[in-house]
Structures are given as C-alpha cells and as structure tokens.
Amino acid sequence: MGSTGHLSNGKLNLNLLRDYYRRELLELLDKCLGSKALVWDDALTGPFGLIAEYSLLKEHEVEKMFPLSDKGLPPSNVQNIIFVTRPKLQLMEQIAQNLLQEEHKGGFRKEYHIIFVPRKSLLCEKKLK
C-alpha cells in the first residue's frame, strides 16, 4: 500500500482520505445545476462536517441544509433537493414520504437526487421506486 500514499511510516494519512471524499462530494454536487438543498440522514452530519464545511458547500450552490424527518421538507425555492443518506430501508421510507409530501405541495419545480453513503444499494433503490 506504500505506493498509494495512504500509509506513511505505518500511519494512515487522513488528509488524503478527506481530500478524496471532499472531491467526490463536490463533483456530485456540481452535476446538479442550480441552487441546492441537502437533506441529511442525521447519522451523517457529523462525519460530513469533517469533509466539507458549510462555506465550501455554499460555493457549490448549496443554499439550505435540512435533517431528514417524517415531517417533510421546509419550504424552499431551490432547484435541486439532494438526499444524503445511508442505504437503510427505514430511511428510504422517510425519503419516499418527503417526496410524496413535496408532490402534494406542488408549486416550484424541483429535481430530486440521492447520494448513498458509503455506497448505493439496489434494494434501497428498488424500495424508492
């Protein structure tokens, strides 16, 4: 593993990991053109705070951040709603409820996206459909 630069004298270089995941997150955000709101799975807000500060997210058009809840999403005029979640079926239920509530509100047209952390799950994608 020495050639990858992740280990130096037997120690893991956490800065390299943080930079890698920061770059990945920002690339995903930049694929969504326009203003954005992130809807966080509560268990991920702390770890993501270590990767990207709010000021950096703001530079990539993130205007709002909300916790994922059964109560639905607060009103916003963003163009993209991005759910950042672990691949757990219970969380897919909450996301589905949020989407249904948004559909009933009508109004401003939004695009919806989901980022699975650490990786996507076909079972969860199927559950959302």
C-alpha atoms as a PDB file:
ATOM      1  CA  MET A   1       0.000   0.000   0.000  1.00  0.00           C
ATOM      2  CA  GLY A   2       3.030   2.278   0.266  1.00  0.00           C
ATOM      3  CA  SER A   3       2.818   3.355  -3.374  1.00  0.00           C
ATOM      4  CA  THR A   4      -0.688   4.826  -2.972  1.00  0.00           C
ATOM      5  CA  GLY A   5       0.423   7.374  -0.417  1.00  0.00           C
ATOM      6  CA  HIS A   6      -2.233   6.351   2.112  1.00  0.00           C
ATOM      7  CA  LEU A   7       0.302   4.890   4.518  1.00  0.00           C
ATOM      8  CA  SER A   8       3.337   6.774   5.668  1.00  0.00           C
ATOM      9  CA  ASN A   9       5.568   5.094   8.219  1.00  0.00           C
ATOM     10  CA  GLY A  10       2.679   2.778   9.072  1.00  0.00           C
ATOM     11  CA  LYS A  11       0.235   5.674   9.675  1.00  0.00           C
ATOM     12  CA  LEU A  12      -2.879   6.385   7.653  1.00  0.00           C
ATOM     13  CA  ASN A  13      -2.833   9.796   6.004  1.00  0.00           C
ATOM     14  CA  LEU A  14      -6.303  11.087   6.881  1.00  0.00           C
ATOM     15  CA  ASN A  15      -5.801  14.280   4.871  1.00  0.00           C
ATOM     16  CA  LEU A  16      -5.631  12.218   1.674  1.00  0.00           C
ATOM     17  CA  LEU A  17      -8.872  10.439   2.576  1.00  0.00           C
ATOM     18  CA  ARG A  18     -10.598  13.706   3.462  1.00  0.00           C
ATOM     19  CA  ASP A  19      -9.460  15.317   0.195  1.00  0.00           C
ATOM     20  CA  TYR A  20     -10.629  12.310  -1.826  1.00  0.00           C
ATOM     21  CA  TYR A  21     -14.114  12.278  -0.277  1.00  0.00           C
ATOM     22  CA  ARG A  22     -14.391  16.071  -0.464  1.00  0.00           C
ATOM     23  CA  ARG A  23     -13.598  15.960  -4.190  1.00  0.00           C
ATOM     24  CA  GLU A  24     -16.163  13.172  -4.708  1.00  0.00           C
ATOM     25  CA  LEU A  25     -18.879  15.073  -2.866  1.00  0.00           C
ATOM     26  CA  LEU A  26     -18.212  18.317  -4.729  1.00  0.00           C
ATOM     27  CA  GLU A  27     -18.220  16.531  -8.097  1.00  0.00           C
ATOM     28  CA  LEU A  28     -21.621  15.015  -7.277  1.00  0.00           C
ATOM     29  CA  LEU A  29     -22.965  18.407  -6.191  1.00  0.00           C
ATOM     30  CA  ASP A  30     -21.662  20.107  -9.327  1.00  0.00           C
ATOM     31  CA  LYS A  31     -23.534  17.616 -11.529  1.00  0.00           C
ATOM     32  CA  CYS A  32     -26.763  19.180 -10.235  1.00  0.00           C
ATOM     33  CA  LEU A  33     -27.026  22.553 -11.948  1.00  0.00           C
ATOM     34  CA  GLY A  34     -28.557  25.393  -9.963  1.00  0.00           C
ATOM     35  CA  SER A  35     -29.344  26.014  -6.322  1.00  0.00           C
ATOM     36  CA  LYS A  36     -29.370  23.080  -3.915  1.00  0.00           C
ATOM     37  CA  ALA A  37     -30.697  21.952  -0.560  1.00  0.00           C
ATOM     38  CA  LEU A  38     -29.092  18.993   1.184  1.00  0.00           C
ATOM     39  CA  VAL A  39     -31.318  16.725   3.250  1.00  0.00           C
ATOM     40  CA  TRP A  40     -29.123  14.830   5.693  1.00  0.00           C
ATOM     41  CA  ASP A  41     -29.502  11.472   7.342  1.00  0.00           C
ATOM     42  CA  ASP A  42     -28.740  12.582  10.941  1.00  0.00           C
ATOM     43  CA  ALA A  43     -26.010   9.968  11.376  1.00  0.00           C
ATOM     44  CA  LEU A  44     -24.009  11.554   8.535  1.00  0.00           C
ATOM     45  CA  THR A  45     -23.977  15.234   9.504  1.00  0.00           C
ATOM     46  CA  GLY A  46     -21.003  14.863  11.865  1.00  0.00           C
ATOM     47  CA  PRO A  47     -18.784  12.843   9.503  1.00  0.00           C
ATOM     48  CA  PHE A  48     -19.546  15.153   6.569  1.00  0.00           C
ATOM     49  CA  GLY A  49     -18.653  18.162   8.700  1.00  0.00           C
ATOM     50  CA  LEU A  50     -15.124  16.743   8.767  1.00  0.00           C
ATOM     51  CA  ILE A  51     -15.040  16.543   4.954  1.00  0.00           C
ATOM     52  CA  ALA A  52     -16.669  19.786   3.804  1.00  0.00           C
ATOM     53  CA  GLU A  53     -17.520  22.898   5.781  1.00  0.00           C
ATOM     54  CA  TYR A  54     -20.726  24.807   5.067  1.00  0.00           C
ATOM     55  CA  SER A  55     -18.766  27.661   3.461  1.00  0.00           C
ATOM     56  CA  LEU A  56     -17.325  25.222   0.901  1.00  0.00           C
ATOM     57  CA  LEU A  57     -20.763  23.727   0.200  1.00  0.00           C
ATOM     58  CA  LYS A  58     -22.121  27.254  -0.286  1.00  0.00           C
ATOM     59  CA  GLU A  59     -19.513  27.840  -3.012  1.00  0.00           C
ATOM     60  CA  HIS A  60     -21.156  24.904  -4.837  1.00  0.00           C
ATOM     61  CA  GLU A  61     -24.640  26.480  -4.665  1.00  0.00           C
ATOM     62  CA  VAL A  62     -25.846  24.682  -1.517  1.00  0.00           C
ATOM     63  CA  GLU A  63     -28.280  27.207  -0.051  1.00  0.00           C
ATOM     64  CA  LYS A  64     -30.080  25.123   2.573  1.00  0.00           C
ATOM     65  CA  MET A  65     -29.491  22.061   4.710  1.00  0.00           C
ATOM     66  CA  PHE A  66     -32.226  20.099   6.459  1.00  0.00           C
ATOM     67  CA  PRO A  67     -32.343  16.961   8.595  1.00  0.00           C
ATOM     68  CA  LEU A  68     -34.256  14.033   7.124  1.00  0.00           C
ATOM     69  CA  SER A  69     -37.506  13.630   9.027  1.00  0.00           C
ATOM     70  CA  ASP A  70     -41.037  12.283   8.721  1.00  0.00           C
ATOM     71  CA  LYS A  71     -42.389  15.832   8.943  1.00  0.00           C
ATOM     72  CA  GLY A  72     -41.401  16.680   5.380  1.00  0.00           C
ATOM     73  CA  LEU A  73     -39.170  19.372   3.980  1.00  0.00           C
ATOM     74  CA  PRO A  74     -39.336  23.021   4.951  1.00  0.00           C
ATOM     75  CA  PRO A  75     -40.351  25.360   2.100  1.00  0.00           C
ATOM     76  CA  SER A  76     -37.515  26.416  -0.204  1.00  0.00           C
ATOM     77  CA  ASN A  77     -37.044  27.791  -3.698  1.00  0.00           C
ATOM     78  CA  VAL A  78     -34.014  25.701  -4.593  1.00  0.00           C
ATOM     79  CA  GLN A  79     -33.834  23.877  -7.911  1.00  0.00           C
ATOM     80  CA  ASN A  80     -32.342  20.638  -6.513  1.00  0.00           C
ATOM     81  CA  ILE A  81     -33.129  18.640  -3.404  1.00  0.00           C
ATOM     82  CA  ILE A  82     -30.299  16.193  -2.644  1.00  0.00           C
ATOM     83  CA  PHE A  83     -30.816  13.477  -0.056  1.00  0.00           C
ATOM     84  CA  VAL A  84     -27.561  12.317   1.563  1.00  0.00           C
ATOM     85  CA  THR A  85     -28.254   9.023   3.290  1.00  0.00           C
ATOM     86  CA  ARG A  86     -27.054   5.635   4.375  1.00  0.00           C
ATOM     87  CA  PRO A  87     -28.609   2.750   2.410  1.00  0.00           C
ATOM     88  CA  LYS A  88     -31.184   1.684   5.025  1.00  0.00           C
ATOM     89  CA  LEU A  89     -34.754   0.724   4.182  1.00  0.00           C
ATOM     90  CA  GLN A  90     -36.210   2.761   7.059  1.00  0.00           C
ATOM     91  CA  LEU A  91     -34.534   5.879   5.636  1.00  0.00           C
ATOM     92  CA  MET A  92     -35.953   5.092   2.169  1.00  0.00           C
ATOM     93  CA  GLU A  93     -39.421   5.187   3.761  1.00  0.00           C
ATOM     94  CA  GLN A  94     -38.705   8.664   5.139  1.00  0.00           C
ATOM     95  CA  ILE A  95     -37.388   9.876   1.782  1.00  0.00           C
ATOM     96  CA  ALA A  96     -40.449   8.466  -0.011  1.00  0.00           C
ATOM     97  CA  GLN A  97     -42.738  10.275   2.472  1.00  0.00           C
ATOM     98  CA  ASN A  98     -40.841  13.525   1.882  1.00  0.00           C
ATOM     99  CA  LEU A  99     -41.192  13.147  -1.895  1.00  0.00           C
ATOM    100  CA  LEU A 100     -44.910  12.405  -1.666  1.00  0.00           C
ATOM    101  CA  GLN A 101     -45.453  15.451   0.549  1.00  0.00           C
ATOM    102  CA  GLU A 102     -43.488  17.621  -1.899  1.00  0.00           C
ATOM    103  CA  GLU A 103     -45.578  16.295  -4.783  1.00  0.00           C
ATOM    104  CA  HIS A 104     -48.779  17.294  -2.985  1.00  0.00           C
ATOM    105  CA  LYS A 105     -47.475  20.803  -2.283  1.00  0.00           C
ATOM    106  CA  GLY A 106     -46.994  21.484  -5.979  1.00  0.00           C
ATOM    107  CA  GLY A 107     -45.507  24.865  -6.755  1.00  0.00           C
ATOM    108  CA  PHE A 108     -41.893  25.456  -7.727  1.00  0.00           C
ATOM    109  CA  ARG A 109     -40.492  22.614  -9.894  1.00  0.00           C
ATOM    110  CA  LYS A 110     -37.559  20.788  -8.271  1.00  0.00           C
ATOM    111  CA  GLU A 111     -35.197  17.992  -9.228  1.00  0.00           C
ATOM    112  CA  TYR A 112     -34.593  15.258  -6.654  1.00  0.00           C
ATOM    113  CA  HIS A 113     -31.345  13.345  -6.210  1.00  0.00           C
ATOM    114  CA  ILE A 114     -29.942  10.863  -3.731  1.00  0.00           C
ATOM    115  CA  ILE A 115     -26.376  10.224  -2.598  1.00  0.00           C
ATOM    116  CA  PHE A 116     -25.870   6.924  -0.819  1.00  0.00           C
ATOM    117  CA  VAL A 117     -23.039   6.765   1.724  1.00  0.00           C
ATOM    118  CA  PRO A 118     -20.857   4.717   1.679  1.00  0.00           C
ATOM    119  CA  ARG A 119     -22.337   3.140  -1.479  1.00  0.00           C
ATOM    120  CA  LYS A 120     -25.664   2.697  -3.194  1.00  0.00           C
ATOM    121  CA  SER A 121     -27.906  -0.262  -2.559  1.00  0.00           C
ATOM    122  CA  LEU A 122     -30.038  -1.861  -5.264  1.00  0.00           C
ATOM    123  CA  LEU A 123     -32.515  -2.962  -2.602  1.00  0.00           C
ATOM    124  CA  CYS A 124     -32.910   0.647  -1.424  1.00  0.00           C
ATOM    125  CA  GLU A 125     -33.264   1.946  -4.986  1.00  0.00           C
ATOM    126  CA  LYS A 126     -35.969  -0.653  -5.614  1.00  0.00           C
ATOM    127  CA  LYS A 127     -37.765   0.374  -2.412  1.00  0.00           C
ATOM    128  CA  LEU A 128     -37.854   4.025  -3.537  1.00  0.00           C
ATOM    129  CA  LYS A 129     -39.364   3.114  -6.922  1.00  0.00           C
END
